PDB file of N, CA and C in Angstrom:
ATOM      1  N   MET A   1      26.602 -30.722   2.530  1.00  0.00           N
ATOM      2  CA  MET A   1      25.378 -29.969   2.267  1.00  0.00           C
ATOM      3  C   MET A   1      25.655 -28.480   2.394  1.00  0.00           C
ATOM      4  N   CYS A   2      25.022 -27.753   1.602  1.00  0.00           N
ATOM      5  CA  CYS A   2      25.174 -26.302   1.617  1.00  0.00           C
ATOM      6  C   CYS A   2      24.015 -25.682   2.390  1.00  0.00           C
ATOM      7  N   SER A   3      24.338 -24.893   3.395  1.00  0.00           N
ATOM      8  CA  SER A   3      23.295 -24.257   4.193  1.00  0.00           C
ATOM      9  C   SER A   3      23.161 -22.777   3.883  1.00  0.00           C
ATOM     10  N   GLN A   4      23.831 -22.350   2.838  1.00  0.00           N
ATOM     11  CA  GLN A   4      23.775 -20.944   2.467  1.00  0.00           C
ATOM     12  C   GLN A   4      22.345 -20.569   2.056  1.00  0.00           C
ATOM     13  N   GLY A   5      21.851 -19.481   2.566  1.00  0.00           N
ATOM     14  CA  GLY A   5      20.520 -19.013   2.218  1.00  0.00           C
ATOM     15  C   GLY A   5      19.421 -19.521   3.136  1.00  0.00           C
ATOM     16  N   LEU A   6      19.747 -20.454   4.033  1.00  0.00           N
ATOM     17  CA  LEU A   6      18.744 -20.945   4.978  1.00  0.00           C
ATOM     18  C   LEU A   6      18.637 -19.985   6.148  1.00  0.00           C
ATOM     19  N   ILE A   7      17.441 -19.763   6.609  1.00  0.00           N
ATOM     20  CA  ILE A   7      17.197 -18.870   7.739  1.00  0.00           C
ATOM     21  C   ILE A   7      16.640 -19.692   8.884  1.00  0.00           C
ATOM     22  N   ASP A   8      17.271 -19.560  10.060  1.00  0.00           N
ATOM     23  CA  ASP A   8      16.755 -20.245  11.244  1.00  0.00           C
ATOM     24  C   ASP A   8      15.467 -19.572  11.688  1.00  0.00           C
ATOM     25  N   ARG A   9      14.538 -20.385  12.164  1.00  0.00           N
ATOM     26  CA  ARG A   9      13.269 -19.851  12.665  1.00  0.00           C
ATOM     27  C   ARG A   9      13.134 -20.244  14.125  1.00  0.00           C
ATOM     28  N   TYR A  10      12.740 -19.302  14.931  1.00  0.00           N
ATOM     29  CA  TYR A  10      12.553 -19.545  16.348  1.00  0.00           C
ATOM     30  C   TYR A  10      11.183 -19.049  16.759  1.00  0.00           C
ATOM     31  N   ILE A  11      10.636 -19.670  17.781  1.00  0.00           N
ATOM     32  CA  ILE A  11       9.344 -19.258  18.318  1.00  0.00           C
ATOM     33  C   ILE A  11       9.585 -18.529  19.622  1.00  0.00           C
ATOM     34  N   ASN A  12       8.930 -17.408  19.810  1.00  0.00           N
ATOM     35  CA  ASN A  12       9.020 -16.655  21.055  1.00  0.00           C
ATOM     36  C   ASN A  12       8.022 -17.257  22.044  1.00  0.00           C
ATOM     37  N   PHE A  13       8.527 -17.927  23.081  1.00  0.00           N
ATOM     38  CA  PHE A  13       7.648 -18.606  24.026  1.00  0.00           C
ATOM     39  C   PHE A  13       7.000 -17.669  25.035  1.00  0.00           C
ATOM     40  N   TYR A  14       7.224 -16.377  24.887  1.00  0.00           N
ATOM     41  CA  TYR A  14       6.495 -15.399  25.686  1.00  0.00           C
ATOM     42  C   TYR A  14       5.099 -15.151  25.129  1.00  0.00           C
ATOM     43  N   THR A  15       4.847 -15.606  23.924  1.00  0.00           N
ATOM     44  CA  THR A  15       3.530 -15.412  23.324  1.00  0.00           C
ATOM     45  C   THR A  15       2.593 -16.536  23.759  1.00  0.00           C
ATOM     46  N   ASP A  16       1.326 -16.226  23.822  1.00  0.00           N
ATOM     47  CA  ASP A  16       0.323 -17.203  24.234  1.00  0.00           C
ATOM     48  C   ASP A  16       0.282 -18.387  23.270  1.00  0.00           C
ATOM     49  N   PHE A  17       0.379 -18.110  21.976  1.00  0.00           N
ATOM     50  CA  PHE A  17       0.321 -19.160  20.963  1.00  0.00           C
ATOM     51  C   PHE A  17       1.435 -20.187  21.165  1.00  0.00           C
ATOM     52  N   ALA A  18       2.663 -19.726  21.286  1.00  0.00           N
ATOM     53  CA  ALA A  18       3.804 -20.637  21.422  1.00  0.00           C
ATOM     54  C   ALA A  18       3.766 -21.380  22.751  1.00  0.00           C
ATOM     55  N   PHE A  19       3.399 -20.684  23.821  1.00  0.00           N
ATOM     56  CA  PHE A  19       3.330 -21.318  25.142  1.00  0.00           C
ATOM     57  C   PHE A  19       2.322 -22.459  25.136  1.00  0.00           C
ATOM     58  N   LYS A  20       1.164 -22.228  24.519  1.00  0.00           N
ATOM     59  CA  LYS A  20       0.144 -23.278  24.438  1.00  0.00           C
ATOM     60  C   LYS A  20       0.591 -24.434  23.553  1.00  0.00           C
ATOM     61  N   LYS A  21       1.334 -24.157  22.494  1.00  0.00           N
ATOM     62  CA  LYS A  21       1.831 -25.227  21.634  1.00  0.00           C
ATOM     63  C   LYS A  21       2.812 -26.122  22.384  1.00  0.00           C
ATOM     64  N   LEU A  22       3.653 -25.528  23.233  1.00  0.00           N
ATOM     65  CA  LEU A  22       4.640 -26.307  23.969  1.00  0.00           C
ATOM     66  C   LEU A  22       4.049 -26.988  25.196  1.00  0.00           C
ATOM     67  N   PHE A  23       3.303 -26.247  25.997  1.00  0.00           N
ATOM     68  CA  PHE A  23       2.847 -26.750  27.294  1.00  0.00           C
ATOM     69  C   PHE A  23       1.363 -27.135  27.330  1.00  0.00           C
ATOM     70  N   GLY A  24       0.601 -26.820  26.318  1.00  0.00           N
ATOM     71  CA  GLY A  24      -0.848 -26.961  26.392  1.00  0.00           C
ATOM     72  C   GLY A  24      -1.424 -28.262  25.878  1.00  0.00           C
ATOM     73  N   THR A  25      -0.635 -29.299  25.847  1.00  0.00           N
ATOM     74  CA  THR A  25      -1.160 -30.575  25.392  1.00  0.00           C
ATOM     75  C   THR A  25      -0.976 -31.636  26.464  1.00  0.00           C
ATOM     76  N   GLU A  26      -1.859 -32.585  26.453  1.00  0.00           N
ATOM     77  CA  GLU A  26      -1.796 -33.694  27.415  1.00  0.00           C
ATOM     78  C   GLU A  26      -0.474 -34.460  27.274  1.00  0.00           C
ATOM     79  N   MET A  27       0.059 -34.505  26.067  1.00  0.00           N
ATOM     80  CA  MET A  27       1.310 -35.214  25.818  1.00  0.00           C
ATOM     81  C   MET A  27       2.483 -34.559  26.565  1.00  0.00           C
ATOM     82  N   ASN A  28       2.455 -33.239  26.735  1.00  0.00           N
ATOM     83  CA  ASN A  28       3.528 -32.505  27.408  1.00  0.00           C
ATOM     84  C   ASN A  28       3.174 -32.130  28.844  1.00  0.00           C
ATOM     85  N   LYS A  29       2.242 -32.828  29.423  1.00  0.00           N
ATOM     86  CA  LYS A  29       1.775 -32.537  30.780  1.00  0.00           C
ATOM     87  C   LYS A  29       2.919 -32.577  31.796  1.00  0.00           C
ATOM     88  N   ASP A  30       3.784 -33.590  31.706  1.00  0.00           N
ATOM     89  CA  ASP A  30       4.913 -33.701  32.639  1.00  0.00           C
ATOM     90  C   ASP A  30       5.891 -32.539  32.484  1.00  0.00           C
ATOM     91  N   LEU A  31       6.052 -32.053  31.262  1.00  0.00           N
ATOM     92  CA  LEU A  31       6.928 -30.916  31.017  1.00  0.00           C
ATOM     93  C   LEU A  31       6.394 -29.659  31.692  1.00  0.00           C
ATOM     94  N   LEU A  32       5.087 -29.427  31.611  1.00  0.00           N
ATOM     95  CA  LEU A  32       4.483 -28.262  32.254  1.00  0.00           C
ATOM     96  C   LEU A  32       4.582 -28.360  33.769  1.00  0.00           C
ATOM     97  N   ILE A  33       4.332 -29.539  34.329  1.00  0.00           N
ATOM     98  CA  ILE A  33       4.433 -29.719  35.779  1.00  0.00           C
ATOM     99  C   ILE A  33       5.863 -29.425  36.244  1.00  0.00           C
ATOM    100  N   SER A  34       6.841 -29.923  35.525  1.00  0.00           N
ATOM    101  CA  SER A  34       8.240 -29.675  35.869  1.00  0.00           C
ATOM    102  C   SER A  34       8.584 -28.189  35.774  1.00  0.00           C
ATOM    103  N   PHE A  35       8.099 -27.525  34.737  1.00  0.00           N
ATOM    104  CA  PHE A  35       8.348 -26.096  34.554  1.00  0.00           C
ATOM    105  C   PHE A  35       7.738 -25.277  35.685  1.00  0.00           C
ATOM    106  N   LEU A  36       6.498 -25.566  36.039  1.00  0.00           N
ATOM    107  CA  LEU A  36       5.830 -24.815  37.106  1.00  0.00           C
ATOM    108  C   LEU A  36       6.494 -25.069  38.459  1.00  0.00           C
ATOM    109  N   ASN A  37       6.886 -26.300  38.731  1.00  0.00           N
ATOM    110  CA  ASN A  37       7.577 -26.592  39.988  1.00  0.00           C
ATOM    111  C   ASN A  37       8.912 -25.873  40.066  1.00  0.00           C
ATOM    112  N   ALA A  38       9.607 -25.736  38.942  1.00  0.00           N
ATOM    113  CA  ALA A  38      10.868 -24.992  38.928  1.00  0.00           C
ATOM    114  C   ALA A  38      10.626 -23.514  39.220  1.00  0.00           C
ATOM    115  N   LEU A  39       9.523 -22.963  38.718  1.00  0.00           N
ATOM    116  CA  LEU A  39       9.190 -21.563  38.995  1.00  0.00           C
ATOM    117  C   LEU A  39       8.841 -21.334  40.463  1.00  0.00           C
ATOM    118  N   LEU A  40       8.274 -22.338  41.112  1.00  0.00           N
ATOM    119  CA  LEU A  40       7.831 -22.204  42.502  1.00  0.00           C
ATOM    120  C   LEU A  40       8.952 -22.412  43.513  1.00  0.00           C
ATOM    121  N   HIS A  41      10.096 -22.900  43.091  1.00  0.00           N
ATOM    122  CA  HIS A  41      11.276 -23.069  43.945  1.00  0.00           C
ATOM    123  C   HIS A  41      10.979 -23.832  45.232  1.00  0.00           C
ATOM    124  N   GLY A  42      10.143 -24.841  45.185  1.00  0.00           N
ATOM    125  CA  GLY A  42       9.874 -25.668  46.352  1.00  0.00           C
ATOM    126  C   GLY A  42       8.855 -25.121  47.332  1.00  0.00           C
ATOM    127  N   ARG A  43       8.322 -23.921  47.099  1.00  0.00           N
ATOM    128  CA  ARG A  43       7.296 -23.375  47.997  1.00  0.00           C
ATOM    129  C   ARG A  43       6.016 -24.185  47.912  1.00  0.00           C
ATOM    130  N   GLU A  44       5.717 -24.692  46.754  1.00  0.00           N
ATOM    131  CA  GLU A  44       4.602 -25.609  46.504  1.00  0.00           C
ATOM    132  C   GLU A  44       5.138 -26.683  45.582  1.00  0.00           C
ATOM    133  N   ASN A  45       4.464 -27.819  45.561  1.00  0.00           N
ATOM    134  CA  ASN A  45       4.853 -28.879  44.648  1.00  0.00           C
ATOM    135  C   ASN A  45       3.608 -29.358  43.911  1.00  0.00           C
ATOM    136  N   ILE A  46       3.546 -29.067  42.643  1.00  0.00           N
ATOM    137  CA  ILE A  46       2.403 -29.457  41.829  1.00  0.00           C
ATOM    138  C   ILE A  46       2.535 -30.928  41.480  1.00  0.00           C
ATOM    139  N   SER A  47       1.470 -31.680  41.740  1.00  0.00           N
ATOM    140  CA  SER A  47       1.500 -33.112  41.461  1.00  0.00           C
ATOM    141  C   SER A  47       0.690 -33.482  40.230  1.00  0.00           C
ATOM    142  N   ASP A  48      -0.292 -32.653  39.866  1.00  0.00           N
ATOM    143  CA  ASP A  48      -1.128 -32.963  38.710  1.00  0.00           C
ATOM    144  C   ASP A  48      -1.732 -31.678  38.168  1.00  0.00           C
ATOM    145  N   ILE A  49      -2.035 -31.667  36.886  1.00  0.00           N
ATOM    146  CA  ILE A  49      -2.711 -30.535  36.263  1.00  0.00           C
ATOM    147  C   ILE A  49      -3.867 -31.052  35.425  1.00  0.00           C
ATOM    148  N   THR A  50      -4.862 -30.193  35.234  1.00  0.00           N
ATOM    149  CA  THR A  50      -6.017 -30.510  34.405  1.00  0.00           C
ATOM    150  C   THR A  50      -6.171 -29.402  33.382  1.00  0.00           C
ATOM    151  N   TYR A  51      -6.276 -29.778  32.125  1.00  0.00           N
ATOM    152  CA  TYR A  51      -6.485 -28.812  31.055  1.00  0.00           C
ATOM    153  C   TYR A  51      -7.977 -28.589  30.852  1.00  0.00           C
ATOM    154  N   LEU A  52      -8.362 -27.333  30.792  1.00  0.00           N
ATOM    155  CA  LEU A  52      -9.740 -26.950  30.504  1.00  0.00           C
ATOM    156  C   LEU A  52      -9.724 -25.892  29.413  1.00  0.00           C
ATOM    157  N   ASN A  53     -10.833 -25.687  28.793  1.00  0.00           N
ATOM    158  CA  ASN A  53     -10.958 -24.614  27.815  1.00  0.00           C
ATOM    159  C   ASN A  53     -11.980 -23.625  28.355  1.00  0.00           C
ATOM    160  N   ALA A  54     -11.520 -22.699  29.156  1.00  0.00           N
ATOM    161  CA  ALA A  54     -12.428 -21.746  29.793  1.00  0.00           C
ATOM    162  C   ALA A  54     -11.923 -20.331  29.564  1.00  0.00           C
ATOM    163  N   GLU A  55     -12.287 -19.756  28.453  1.00  0.00           N
ATOM    164  CA  GLU A  55     -11.910 -18.380  28.170  1.00  0.00           C
ATOM    165  C   GLU A  55     -13.020 -17.451  28.615  1.00  0.00           C
ATOM    166  N   HIS A  56     -12.648 -16.390  29.308  1.00  0.00           N
ATOM    167  CA  HIS A  56     -13.609 -15.395  29.788  1.00  0.00           C
ATOM    168  C   HIS A  56     -13.340 -14.096  29.044  1.00  0.00           C
ATOM    169  N   LEU A  57     -14.207 -13.790  28.117  1.00  0.00           N
ATOM    170  CA  LEU A  57     -14.067 -12.570  27.348  1.00  0.00           C
ATOM    171  C   LEU A  57     -14.759 -11.433  28.077  1.00  0.00           C
ATOM    172  N   GLY A  58     -14.205 -10.253  27.944  1.00  0.00           N
ATOM    173  CA  GLY A  58     -14.815  -9.093  28.566  1.00  0.00           C
ATOM    174  C   GLY A  58     -16.141  -8.738  27.907  1.00  0.00           C
ATOM    175  N   THR A  59     -16.953  -7.974  28.607  1.00  0.00           N
ATOM    176  CA  THR A  59     -18.254  -7.584  28.067  1.00  0.00           C
ATOM    177  C   THR A  59     -18.161  -6.319  27.214  1.00  0.00           C
ATOM    178  N   GLN A  60     -17.111  -5.541  27.408  1.00  0.00           N
ATOM    179  CA  GLN A  60     -16.910  -4.317  26.645  1.00  0.00           C
ATOM    180  C   GLN A  60     -15.660  -4.457  25.780  1.00  0.00           C
ATOM    181  N   GLU A  61     -15.550  -3.625  24.784  1.00  0.00           N
ATOM    182  CA  GLU A  61     -14.414  -3.672  23.867  1.00  0.00           C
ATOM    183  C   GLU A  61     -13.092  -3.448  24.591  1.00  0.00           C
ATOM    184  N   TYR A  62     -13.080  -2.602  25.627  1.00  0.00           N
ATOM    185  CA  TYR A  62     -11.843  -2.261  26.321  1.00  0.00           C
ATOM    186  C   TYR A  62     -11.526  -3.215  27.474  1.00  0.00           C
ATOM    187  N   ASP A  63     -12.402  -4.162  27.750  1.00  0.00           N
ATOM    188  CA  ASP A  63     -12.141  -5.137  28.810  1.00  0.00           C
ATOM    189  C   ASP A  63     -11.040  -6.098  28.376  1.00  0.00           C
ATOM    190  N   ARG A  64     -10.290  -6.540  29.347  1.00  0.00           N
ATOM    191  CA  ARG A  64      -9.250  -7.526  29.067  1.00  0.00           C
ATOM    192  C   ARG A  64      -9.849  -8.920  29.029  1.00  0.00           C
ATOM    193  N   ARG A  65      -9.209  -9.782  28.300  1.00  0.00           N
ATOM    194  CA  ARG A  65      -9.637 -11.166  28.195  1.00  0.00           C
ATOM    195  C   ARG A  65      -8.837 -11.993  29.195  1.00  0.00           C
ATOM    196  N   ALA A  66      -9.481 -12.892  29.895  1.00  0.00           N
ATOM    197  CA  ALA A  66      -8.804 -13.778  30.840  1.00  0.00           C
ATOM    198  C   ALA A  66      -8.997 -15.218  30.392  1.00  0.00           C
ATOM    199  N   VAL A  67      -7.939 -15.981  30.449  1.00  0.00           N
ATOM    200  CA  VAL A  67      -7.996 -17.375  30.049  1.00  0.00           C
ATOM    201  C   VAL A  67      -7.537 -18.230  31.226  1.00  0.00           C
ATOM    202  N   PHE A  68      -8.426 -19.087  31.691  1.00  0.00           N
ATOM    203  CA  PHE A  68      -8.126 -20.012  32.779  1.00  0.00           C
ATOM    204  C   PHE A  68      -8.226 -21.415  32.203  1.00  0.00           C
ATOM    205  N   ASP A  69      -7.120 -21.952  31.740  1.00  0.00           N
ATOM    206  CA  ASP A  69      -7.205 -23.235  31.075  1.00  0.00           C
ATOM    207  C   ASP A  69      -6.337 -24.325  31.695  1.00  0.00           C
ATOM    208  N   VAL A  70      -5.642 -24.028  32.783  1.00  0.00           N
ATOM    209  CA  VAL A  70      -4.858 -25.045  33.485  1.00  0.00           C
ATOM    210  C   VAL A  70      -5.137 -24.921  34.973  1.00  0.00           C
ATOM    211  N   TYR A  71      -5.617 -25.991  35.552  1.00  0.00           N
ATOM    212  CA  TYR A  71      -5.824 -26.040  36.993  1.00  0.00           C
ATOM    213  C   TYR A  71      -4.788 -26.976  37.585  1.00  0.00           C
ATOM    214  N   CYS A  72      -4.136 -26.527  38.650  1.00  0.00           N
ATOM    215  CA  CYS A  72      -3.062 -27.300  39.274  1.00  0.00           C
ATOM    216  C   CYS A  72      -3.526 -27.897  40.590  1.00  0.00           C
ATOM    217  N   LYS A  73      -3.002 -29.076  40.877  1.00  0.00           N
ATOM    218  CA  LYS A  73      -3.284 -29.741  42.143  1.00  0.00           C
ATOM    219  C   LYS A  73      -1.951 -30.003  42.844  1.00  0.00           C
ATOM    220  N   ASN A  74      -1.863 -29.580  44.110  1.00  0.00           N
ATOM    221  CA  ASN A  74      -0.635 -29.842  44.848  1.00  0.00           C
ATOM    222  C   ASN A  74      -0.767 -31.162  45.623  1.00  0.00           C
ATOM    223  N   GLU A  75       0.233 -31.477  46.420  1.00  0.00           N
ATOM    224  CA  GLU A  75       0.248 -32.760  47.113  1.00  0.00           C
ATOM    225  C   GLU A  75      -0.883 -32.921  48.133  1.00  0.00           C
ATOM    226  N   SER A  76      -1.363 -31.793  48.648  1.00  0.00           N
ATOM    227  CA  SER A  76      -2.445 -31.865  49.636  1.00  0.00           C
ATOM    228  C   SER A  76      -3.832 -31.751  49.000  1.00  0.00           C
ATOM    229  N   GLY A  77      -3.885 -31.735  47.696  1.00  0.00           N
ATOM    230  CA  GLY A  77      -5.174 -31.685  47.003  1.00  0.00           C
ATOM    231  C   GLY A  77      -5.563 -30.323  46.596  1.00  0.00           C
TER     232      GLY A  77
END
């Protein structure tokens, strides 16, 4: 097969869109839990997560938008 002229495409997972595509589905729940536990280096251990759709938009044009869509539960609840 000739691959000349093909361009590889990559997604930047630093963007909100790509992060949600990878980690924001119930199907990839275990992947997100593993990723977050690796970031915490054993200081906490996440046992379960709940996906919500709770976006908080600012009231003014210059306000920042906050998105709280994953709630984590550790071993102690």
